[in-house]
N, C-alpha and C. Protein backbone atom coordinates (compact mmCIF):
# COMPACT_ATOMS: atom_id res chain seq x y z
N MET A 1 78.64 49.82 0.16
CA MET A 1 79.59 48.80 0.62
C MET A 1 79.69 48.59 2.29
N THR A 2 78.96 49.68 2.94
CA THR A 2 79.29 49.58 4.45
C THR A 2 78.55 48.57 5.17
N ASP A 3 77.71 47.81 4.65
CA ASP A 3 76.84 46.53 4.90
C ASP A 3 77.38 45.48 4.58
N ILE A 4 78.91 45.57 4.11
CA ILE A 4 79.55 44.20 3.77
C ILE A 4 80.22 43.80 4.79
N ILE A 5 80.30 42.86 5.62
CA ILE A 5 80.82 42.14 6.87
C ILE A 5 82.14 41.08 6.39
N ILE A 6 83.30 41.39 6.17
CA ILE A 6 84.52 40.08 6.10
C ILE A 6 85.01 39.59 7.08
N ARG A 7 84.97 38.36 7.24
CA ARG A 7 85.37 37.86 8.39
C ARG A 7 85.92 36.41 8.10
N PRO A 8 86.59 36.02 8.93
CA PRO A 8 87.32 34.74 8.90
C PRO A 8 86.55 33.24 8.81
N ALA A 9 86.47 32.74 7.54
CA ALA A 9 86.07 31.43 7.69
C ALA A 9 85.70 30.49 9.00
N ARG A 10 85.10 29.62 9.04
CA ARG A 10 84.57 28.99 10.19
C ARG A 10 84.50 27.60 9.66
N PRO A 11 84.82 26.16 10.46
CA PRO A 11 84.45 24.85 9.56
C PRO A 11 83.06 24.97 9.41
N ARG A 12 82.05 25.45 10.35
CA ARG A 12 80.75 25.31 9.60
C ARG A 12 80.34 25.99 8.49
N ASP A 13 81.34 27.02 7.96
CA ASP A 13 81.07 27.55 6.37
C ASP A 13 81.32 26.48 5.45
N LEU A 14 82.05 25.57 5.70
CA LEU A 14 82.46 24.80 4.55
C LEU A 14 81.61 24.29 3.28
N PRO A 15 80.41 24.16 3.81
CA PRO A 15 79.15 24.01 2.53
C PRO A 15 79.01 25.14 1.86
N ASP A 16 79.20 26.34 2.33
CA ASP A 16 79.07 27.56 1.08
C ASP A 16 80.11 27.45 0.58
N ILE A 17 81.21 27.60 1.60
CA ILE A 17 82.62 27.69 0.47
C ILE A 17 82.77 26.48 -0.63
N LEU A 18 82.58 25.44 -0.46
CA LEU A 18 82.41 24.24 -1.23
C LEU A 18 81.40 25.15 -2.64
N ASP A 19 80.34 25.30 -1.95
CA ASP A 19 79.48 25.86 -3.53
C ASP A 19 80.14 26.94 -4.26
N MET A 20 80.97 27.82 -3.45
CA MET A 20 81.41 28.60 -4.39
C MET A 20 82.46 28.56 -5.21
N VAL A 21 83.53 27.51 -4.71
CA VAL A 21 84.32 26.66 -4.95
C VAL A 21 83.85 25.84 -6.75
N ARG A 22 82.92 25.55 -6.24
CA ARG A 22 82.15 25.01 -7.26
C ARG A 22 81.95 25.98 -8.45
N ALA A 23 81.47 27.25 -8.10
CA ALA A 23 80.79 28.22 -8.77
C ALA A 23 82.04 28.95 -9.57
N LEU A 24 83.21 28.90 -8.96
CA LEU A 24 83.86 29.91 -9.31
C LEU A 24 84.80 28.75 -10.23
N SER A 25 84.96 27.34 -10.34
CA SER A 25 85.18 26.35 -11.47
C SER A 25 84.54 26.58 -12.36
N ALA A 26 83.38 26.24 -12.29
CA ALA A 26 82.42 26.22 -13.75
C ALA A 26 82.60 27.60 -14.55
N PHE A 27 82.86 28.66 -13.87
CA PHE A 27 83.17 30.03 -14.20
C PHE A 27 84.33 29.84 -15.28
N HIS A 28 85.01 29.03 -14.84
CA HIS A 28 86.52 29.02 -15.73
C HIS A 28 86.43 27.81 -16.66
N GLY A 29 85.33 27.06 -16.48
CA GLY A 29 85.14 25.73 -17.63
C GLY A 29 85.96 24.18 -16.89
N ASP A 30 86.07 24.73 -15.62
CA ASP A 30 86.48 23.53 -14.89
C ASP A 30 85.31 22.60 -13.79
N VAL A 31 85.90 21.53 -13.27
CA VAL A 31 84.99 21.33 -12.29
C VAL A 31 85.96 20.91 -11.32
N ALA A 32 85.30 21.25 -10.15
CA ALA A 32 85.70 21.13 -8.87
C ALA A 32 85.28 19.64 -8.20
N THR A 33 86.65 19.43 -8.05
CA THR A 33 86.93 18.07 -7.33
C THR A 33 86.82 17.57 -5.73
N ILE A 34 87.12 18.59 -5.29
CA ILE A 34 87.31 19.00 -4.00
C ILE A 34 86.29 18.63 -3.06
N SER A 35 86.65 17.56 -2.32
CA SER A 35 85.42 17.00 -0.91
C SER A 35 85.41 18.11 0.07
N LEU A 36 84.45 18.11 0.86
CA LEU A 36 84.02 18.84 2.22
C LEU A 36 85.28 18.60 2.93
N GLU A 37 85.66 17.29 3.13
CA GLU A 37 86.73 16.71 3.98
C GLU A 37 88.13 17.20 3.52
N SER A 38 88.49 17.54 2.08
CA SER A 38 89.48 17.71 1.43
C SER A 38 89.82 19.32 2.14
N LEU A 39 88.89 20.14 1.76
CA LEU A 39 88.32 21.19 1.77
C LEU A 39 88.93 21.83 3.50
N GLN A 40 88.20 21.07 4.44
CA GLN A 40 88.35 21.24 5.98
C GLN A 40 90.13 20.86 6.44
N TRP A 41 90.40 20.09 5.28
CA TRP A 41 92.02 19.68 5.45
C TRP A 41 92.74 20.88 5.16
N ALA A 42 92.48 21.39 4.09
CA ALA A 42 93.28 22.59 3.48
C ALA A 42 93.01 23.88 4.39
N LEU A 43 91.87 24.14 4.64
CA LEU A 43 91.49 25.61 5.28
C LEU A 43 91.85 25.85 6.69
N PHE A 44 91.66 24.44 7.27
CA PHE A 44 91.66 24.21 8.78
C PHE A 44 92.65 23.49 9.61
N GLU A 45 93.63 22.57 8.65
CA GLU A 45 94.18 21.57 9.31
C GLU A 45 95.69 22.02 8.88
N SER A 46 95.61 22.31 7.38
CA SER A 46 97.03 22.01 6.92
C SER A 46 98.20 23.34 7.30
N GLY A 47 97.36 24.47 7.41
CA GLY A 47 98.07 25.64 7.79
C GLY A 47 98.75 26.23 6.37
N GLN A 48 97.96 25.80 5.30
CA GLN A 48 98.65 26.18 3.76
C GLN A 48 97.52 27.39 3.69
N ALA A 49 96.51 27.30 3.54
CA ALA A 49 95.44 28.09 3.07
C ALA A 49 94.47 28.58 4.26
N THR A 50 93.80 29.45 3.95
CA THR A 50 92.79 30.06 4.91
C THR A 50 91.71 30.99 3.74
N ALA A 51 90.67 31.20 4.13
CA ALA A 51 89.48 31.72 3.56
C ALA A 51 88.67 33.16 4.19
N LEU A 52 88.57 33.77 3.71
CA LEU A 52 87.65 35.16 4.01
C LEU A 52 86.48 35.05 3.32
N LEU A 53 85.56 35.34 4.25
CA LEU A 53 84.00 35.37 3.78
C LEU A 53 83.84 36.55 3.72
N ALA A 54 82.99 37.15 2.86
CA ALA A 54 81.65 38.39 2.76
C ALA A 54 80.62 38.05 2.80
N GLU A 55 80.01 38.57 3.87
CA GLU A 55 78.37 38.64 3.94
C GLU A 55 77.71 39.72 3.85
N ARG A 56 76.46 39.67 3.83
CA ARG A 56 75.98 40.76 3.69
C ARG A 56 74.31 40.31 4.16
N ARG A 57 73.51 41.20 5.20
CA ARG A 57 72.58 40.46 6.00
C ARG A 57 72.55 39.24 5.98
N SER A 58 73.75 38.61 6.71
CA SER A 58 73.96 37.27 6.96
C SER A 58 74.08 36.42 6.14
N ASP A 59 73.88 36.70 4.82
CA ASP A 59 74.35 35.94 3.69
C ASP A 59 75.63 35.77 3.04
N VAL A 60 76.09 34.52 2.68
CA VAL A 60 77.58 34.58 2.36
C VAL A 60 77.44 34.94 0.85
N ILE A 61 78.28 36.23 0.43
CA ILE A 61 78.21 36.48 -1.08
C ILE A 61 79.22 36.30 -1.82
N GLY A 62 80.38 36.01 -1.07
CA GLY A 62 81.66 35.81 -1.65
C GLY A 62 82.93 35.51 -0.64
N TYR A 63 83.88 35.21 -1.54
CA TYR A 63 85.19 34.56 -0.62
C TYR A 63 86.44 34.82 -1.28
N ALA A 64 87.52 34.93 -0.23
CA ALA A 64 88.92 34.90 -0.67
C ALA A 64 89.61 33.68 -0.40
N GLY A 65 90.02 32.74 -1.00
CA GLY A 65 90.71 31.85 -0.37
C GLY A 65 92.10 31.92 -0.72
N LEU A 66 92.76 31.87 0.30
CA LEU A 66 94.41 32.60 0.37
C LEU A 66 95.45 31.37 0.75
N THR A 67 96.68 31.48 -0.12
CA THR A 67 97.55 30.31 0.28
C THR A 67 98.95 31.06 0.74
N ASN A 68 99.74 30.65 1.73
CA ASN A 68 100.82 31.38 2.10
C ASN A 68 101.75 30.84 1.20
N THR A 69 102.60 31.81 0.87
CA THR A 69 104.06 31.12 0.32
C THR A 69 105.32 31.92 0.76
N VAL A 70 106.45 31.70 0.27
CA VAL A 70 107.53 32.26 0.82
C VAL A 70 108.46 32.20 -0.89
N THR A 71 109.45 33.60 -0.85
CA THR A 71 109.90 33.49 -1.81
C THR A 71 111.33 32.84 -1.34
N LEU A 72 111.57 31.97 -2.07
CA LEU A 72 112.89 31.63 -1.25
C LEU A 72 114.39 32.46 -1.59
N HIS A 73 113.96 33.17 -2.37
CA HIS A 73 115.62 33.66 -2.73
C HIS A 73 115.75 35.01 -1.80
N THR A 74 114.39 35.56 -1.19
CA THR A 74 114.49 36.40 -0.17
C THR A 74 114.00 36.08 1.26
N GLY A 75 113.48 35.25 1.42
CA GLY A 75 113.05 34.40 2.41
C GLY A 75 111.57 35.41 3.07
N GLN A 76 111.17 36.15 2.19
CA GLN A 76 109.90 36.62 2.61
C GLN A 76 108.58 36.12 2.37
N SER A 77 107.73 36.30 3.13
CA SER A 77 106.28 35.38 2.92
C SER A 77 105.51 36.41 2.12
N ARG A 78 104.45 35.97 1.46
CA ARG A 78 103.65 36.65 0.80
C ARG A 78 102.31 35.97 0.78
N ILE A 79 101.07 36.35 0.31
CA ILE A 79 99.89 35.63 0.32
C ILE A 79 99.63 35.39 -1.06
N ASP A 80 99.02 34.52 -1.70
CA ASP A 80 98.43 34.80 -2.88
C ASP A 80 96.89 34.39 -2.60
N ILE A 81 95.93 35.61 -3.24
CA ILE A 81 94.74 35.22 -3.54
C ILE A 81 94.36 34.22 -4.35
N HIS A 82 94.16 33.25 -4.20
CA HIS A 82 94.28 31.69 -5.00
C HIS A 82 92.94 32.16 -5.84
N HIS A 83 91.89 32.25 -4.93
CA HIS A 83 90.23 32.33 -5.31
C HIS A 83 89.80 33.61 -4.86
N LEU A 84 89.12 34.48 -5.77
CA LEU A 84 88.16 35.68 -5.26
C LEU A 84 86.91 35.39 -6.04
N TYR A 85 86.05 35.10 -5.21
CA TYR A 85 84.84 34.52 -5.82
C TYR A 85 83.65 35.79 -4.99
N VAL A 86 82.91 36.43 -5.73
CA VAL A 86 81.49 37.00 -5.41
C VAL A 86 80.36 36.66 -6.34
N ALA A 87 79.28 36.34 -5.57
CA ALA A 87 78.09 35.87 -6.10
C ALA A 87 77.59 36.68 -7.24
N GLU A 88 77.42 36.45 -8.34
CA GLU A 88 76.76 37.26 -9.63
C GLU A 88 76.24 38.69 -9.03
N ARG A 89 74.93 38.34 -8.10
CA ARG A 89 74.17 39.77 -8.12
C ARG A 89 74.78 40.66 -7.31
N HIS A 90 75.68 40.23 -6.65
CA HIS A 90 76.76 41.22 -5.66
C HIS A 90 78.13 41.76 -6.34
N ARG A 91 78.21 41.28 -7.50
CA ARG A 91 79.38 41.85 -8.14
C ARG A 91 79.22 43.29 -8.58
N SER A 92 80.36 44.01 -8.83
CA SER A 92 80.28 45.49 -8.94
C SER A 92 79.90 46.59 -7.64
N SER A 93 79.70 45.79 -6.62
CA SER A 93 79.15 46.52 -5.15
C SER A 93 80.26 46.87 -4.43
N GLY A 94 81.55 46.30 -4.57
CA GLY A 94 82.49 46.69 -3.73
C GLY A 94 82.72 45.56 -2.86
N VAL A 95 82.06 44.11 -2.85
CA VAL A 95 82.23 43.16 -2.27
C VAL A 95 84.09 42.41 -2.87
N GLY A 96 84.26 42.62 -4.01
CA GLY A 96 85.69 42.10 -4.31
C GLY A 96 86.89 42.93 -3.58
N ARG A 97 86.85 44.19 -3.94
CA ARG A 97 87.52 45.24 -3.54
C ARG A 97 87.68 44.78 -1.49
N ALA A 98 86.72 44.98 -0.79
CA ALA A 98 86.37 44.69 0.48
C ALA A 98 87.50 43.37 0.76
N LEU A 99 87.20 42.29 0.21
CA LEU A 99 87.62 40.94 0.25
C LEU A 99 89.48 41.30 -0.03
N ILE A 100 89.88 41.93 -0.99
CA ILE A 100 91.17 42.26 -0.93
C ILE A 100 91.84 43.05 0.01
N ASP A 101 91.20 44.20 0.55
CA ASP A 101 91.43 44.44 1.34
C ASP A 101 91.64 44.18 2.62
N ALA A 102 90.94 43.06 3.13
CA ALA A 102 91.15 42.01 4.01
C ALA A 102 92.11 41.26 4.00
N ALA A 103 92.37 40.69 2.72
CA ALA A 103 93.63 39.86 2.54
C ALA A 103 94.53 40.87 2.80
N LYS A 104 94.68 42.16 2.58
CA LYS A 104 95.87 43.00 2.95
C LYS A 104 96.30 43.07 4.40
N ARG A 105 94.94 43.20 5.21
CA ARG A 105 95.06 43.17 6.52
C ARG A 105 95.76 41.81 7.07
N LYS A 106 95.19 40.61 6.64
CA LYS A 106 95.70 39.67 7.08
C LYS A 106 97.55 39.31 6.64
N ALA A 107 97.59 39.66 5.87
CA ALA A 107 99.18 39.85 5.02
C ALA A 107 99.87 40.72 6.34
N LEU A 108 99.19 41.74 6.72
CA LEU A 108 100.26 42.69 7.67
C LEU A 108 100.18 41.55 8.85
N GLU A 109 99.43 40.93 9.12
CA GLU A 109 99.59 40.54 10.59
C GLU A 109 100.24 39.39 10.79
N ILE A 110 100.32 38.53 9.24
CA ILE A 110 101.29 37.64 9.55
C ILE A 110 102.69 37.91 8.88
N GLY A 111 102.81 39.06 8.75
CA GLY A 111 104.29 39.95 8.42
C GLY A 111 104.62 39.41 7.09
N ALA A 112 103.85 39.51 6.07
CA ALA A 112 103.83 39.07 4.55
C ALA A 112 104.20 40.35 4.01
N VAL A 113 105.02 40.54 3.05
CA VAL A 113 105.51 41.80 2.51
C VAL A 113 104.16 42.25 1.35
N GLY A 114 103.66 41.03 0.92
CA GLY A 114 102.56 41.42 0.06
C GLY A 114 101.87 40.23 -0.54
N LEU A 115 100.94 40.28 -1.22
CA LEU A 115 99.80 39.83 -2.21
C LEU A 115 100.00 39.74 -3.58
N THR A 116 99.63 38.49 -3.89
CA THR A 116 99.52 38.34 -5.63
C THR A 116 98.34 37.69 -6.09
N ILE A 117 97.61 38.00 -7.04
CA ILE A 117 96.10 37.88 -7.44
C ILE A 117 96.60 37.52 -8.93
N GLY A 118 95.80 36.68 -9.49
CA GLY A 118 95.80 36.22 -11.05
C GLY A 118 94.33 35.71 -11.04
N THR A 119 94.59 35.87 -12.69
CA THR A 119 92.89 35.55 -13.31
C THR A 119 93.53 35.28 -14.85
N ASP A 120 92.31 34.23 -15.54
CA ASP A 120 92.61 34.16 -16.55
C ASP A 120 92.71 35.60 -17.41
N PRO A 121 93.54 35.72 -18.23
CA PRO A 121 93.73 36.92 -19.00
C PRO A 121 92.25 36.93 -19.94
N ARG A 122 91.75 35.95 -20.31
CA ARG A 122 90.48 36.41 -20.94
C ARG A 122 89.09 36.60 -20.22
N ASN A 123 89.49 36.70 -18.78
CA ASN A 123 88.42 37.38 -18.06
C ASN A 123 88.65 38.91 -17.87
N ALA A 124 88.36 39.65 -18.86
CA ALA A 124 88.09 40.86 -18.92
C ALA A 124 87.72 41.73 -18.00
N VAL A 125 86.56 41.10 -17.53
CA VAL A 125 86.15 41.93 -16.14
C VAL A 125 86.91 42.03 -14.80
N ALA A 126 87.48 40.68 -14.79
CA ALA A 126 88.60 40.90 -13.57
C ALA A 126 89.74 41.81 -13.78
N VAL A 127 90.33 41.67 -15.06
CA VAL A 127 91.25 42.23 -15.51
C VAL A 127 90.93 44.00 -14.94
N ALA A 128 90.19 44.52 -15.80
CA ALA A 128 89.70 45.56 -15.75
C ALA A 128 89.03 46.04 -14.08
N ALA A 129 88.61 44.99 -13.48
CA ALA A 129 88.57 45.15 -11.79
C ALA A 129 89.82 45.78 -11.22
N TYR A 130 90.61 44.90 -11.25
CA TYR A 130 92.20 44.69 -10.66
C TYR A 130 92.77 45.90 -11.09
N ARG A 131 93.05 46.42 -12.28
CA ARG A 131 93.61 47.67 -13.02
C ARG A 131 92.64 49.02 -12.05
N ALA A 132 91.52 48.76 -12.16
CA ALA A 132 90.73 50.14 -11.55
C ALA A 132 90.90 50.17 -10.09
N MET A 133 91.04 48.96 -9.44
CA MET A 133 91.74 49.25 -8.20
C MET A 133 92.91 49.75 -8.06
N GLY A 134 93.72 49.78 -8.85
CA GLY A 134 95.20 50.33 -8.87
C GLY A 134 96.31 49.15 -8.51
N LEU A 135 95.94 47.58 -8.84
CA LEU A 135 96.94 46.97 -8.47
C LEU A 135 98.04 46.88 -9.48
N GLU A 136 98.86 46.72 -9.05
CA GLU A 136 100.22 46.41 -9.53
C GLU A 136 100.26 45.55 -10.68
N GLU A 137 100.32 45.39 -12.02
CA GLU A 137 100.08 44.43 -12.99
C GLU A 137 101.64 43.89 -13.09
N LEU A 138 101.73 42.77 -13.00
CA LEU A 138 103.16 41.90 -12.70
C LEU A 138 103.49 41.62 -14.49
N THR A 139 104.56 41.95 -14.57
CA THR A 139 105.04 41.69 -16.42
C THR A 139 105.99 41.03 -16.28
N GLY A 140 106.55 40.19 -17.34
CA GLY A 140 107.75 39.60 -16.88
C GLY A 140 107.98 38.73 -15.90
N VAL A 141 107.30 38.22 -15.55
CA VAL A 141 107.26 37.15 -14.40
C VAL A 141 107.56 35.61 -14.82
N GLY A 142 107.56 35.58 -16.10
CA GLY A 142 107.79 34.19 -16.55
C GLY A 142 106.33 33.16 -17.37
N THR A 143 106.66 32.28 -18.01
CA THR A 143 105.57 31.35 -18.11
C THR A 143 105.60 30.34 -17.37
N ARG A 144 104.48 29.77 -16.81
CA ARG A 144 104.23 28.61 -15.84
C ARG A 144 103.75 27.75 -16.44
N PHE A 145 104.53 26.58 -15.73
CA PHE A 145 103.98 25.26 -16.84
C PHE A 145 103.58 24.23 -15.26
N TRP A 146 102.54 23.12 -15.87
CA TRP A 146 102.01 22.25 -15.09
C TRP A 146 102.59 20.86 -15.39
N ILE A 147 102.94 20.38 -14.27
CA ILE A 147 103.72 18.67 -14.30
C ILE A 147 102.99 17.87 -13.38
N PRO A 148 102.19 17.05 -14.32
CA PRO A 148 101.22 16.31 -13.19
C PRO A 148 102.15 14.99 -12.56
N VAL A 149 102.22 14.81 -11.26
CA VAL A 149 102.23 13.63 -11.12
C VAL A 149 101.79 12.52 -10.30
N ALA A 150 102.15 11.27 -10.51
CA ALA A 150 101.15 9.85 -10.40
C ALA A 150 101.59 9.55 -9.40
N ALA A 151 100.28 8.85 -8.65
CA ALA A 151 100.85 8.70 -7.12
C ALA A 151 101.41 6.97 -6.97
């Protein structure tokens, strides 16, 4: 794991990030429709999201897409690891753990009280990995619903 470098994403990383967003979406049976311009806005202009990249020997091998949120009833901020992606050939080698550890450091930097991360319940590998890392499994947080809004 010592050969993994985690660093903040830079605008020149956008094509690599977009490729990973597309790969993660495809893995979940979705199609990523975000453009480079929208990704630029989300990660570098809006202040709502950031990304951490994992590199091994100067190759980008994974990323964590982080979104900032606040819990209104406490006023405390937290970070949601909205995306966690590791290239297939680098899985089970500590990359995901390194990205989560870097997200923890980022949370401390901004004064967040914690992190959340989710996965599709059918993604048994991710569920097992998060449990093996000792992440606290949230239960009783309720069912979430999607409400589409038309322009």
